[in-house]
Amino acid sequence: MHLTTTLNPFEDTDLLFAQQMGVDWIIANVPAWDADTLAAAANRVMQAGLHLCSLSSLPGDLATRAAEGDAGAVTRMRRIISDAGRLGIPAVSYRCPGLSISGTVETTKGRGASVSTVYGVENRDDTDSQGRREAMWSALTALLQGLAPAAANAGVRLVYETDIALASLPAAERILDNVPELDRLSRVVGSPCHGLNLDYGFVTQVLAPSAGVEPEDALRRLGEGGELFALRLRSLRDADVGACEVFLDEDRAAVLRALRVCKSIGFGGALLAVASPGMTDDTARRHKGHAFNIGYLRAMLQAIGY
């Protein structure tokens, strides 16, 4: 497992933060997707002595147009993937096309008056949703079947990025919200060039409850097949209107169980601490809270002998 963070490679403060925290794997949020920008991003990460393991989510509007059959959008996405391969960038992530939602319900006060985000969680069954969900599946299938050959040719892994924000949508407006559907996604692509960037908050709040299993069992099921590319660890606590983020040490047993599963299945990918509460005099990006969670995660890795 490699401690990883997501950052903008064109922000010096982001690169310095990663260096200061001793986090040497990077998922890059790039401001544009042309070949020159990708090359500059890869060069800046390399010059900082860091490893660029993936590009963050492909542009949502481009993915939506491609899923709707826009040939130009598909061609553009293939070019991005090819450029990534030429630059030695091993992975490019994507999210479910057609969805754009933050999932945030409110902010609240946590431990020591820290600022915590509350995410909406909608787990009610919708018996009338199947037709609409299958339409979304058809669009996603067409998109992936158009991109998978380009990824295989470029030696780039396409990585689906799960997100706790998806949990705020009703069943009729979302897919990929249970373990069988994530298994189905793997079969749709049918290629070793596909992987999962798994949000553990999504596991605890959506995937595990829908399967009637413990979160670590759902994680094991998804990780044993070798599809797991990255795991984004966050701790969430049930709130009146959804799930409230807390510091990782506020649910230390759950974090430890998840890490032990990762070790037992031989997971060697990217491990991220995300969604930290904001601390006193913190930045807008919550660097202090994030630093605390990274340090705690490093200590937990040492505790399990990794």
Foldseek 3Di string as FASTA:
>chain_A
DAAEDEDALVDPVRLVLCVVLVHAEYAYEFPDQDLVRVLVSCVSSVVSVHHHAEYEADDQVLLQCVLVPDPVSLVVVLVSLLSCLVNVHAEYEHEQHPDDFPQFDDWDADPPRFIKTFGAAEADDDPPQVVLVVVSVSSVLSSLVSRLVSNVVSNHAYEYEDDSSQRNDYPNVDDPQELVRVVVVCVSNVDPSYAYAEELVSLCRTHCVVVVHHSLVSVLVRPLVPRHAHYEDWDWDDDPRGTITEACVVPVVVLLSNVVSCVVSVPDHYYYYDRFTADPPADPRRSVRRSVNSVVNVVSCVVVPD
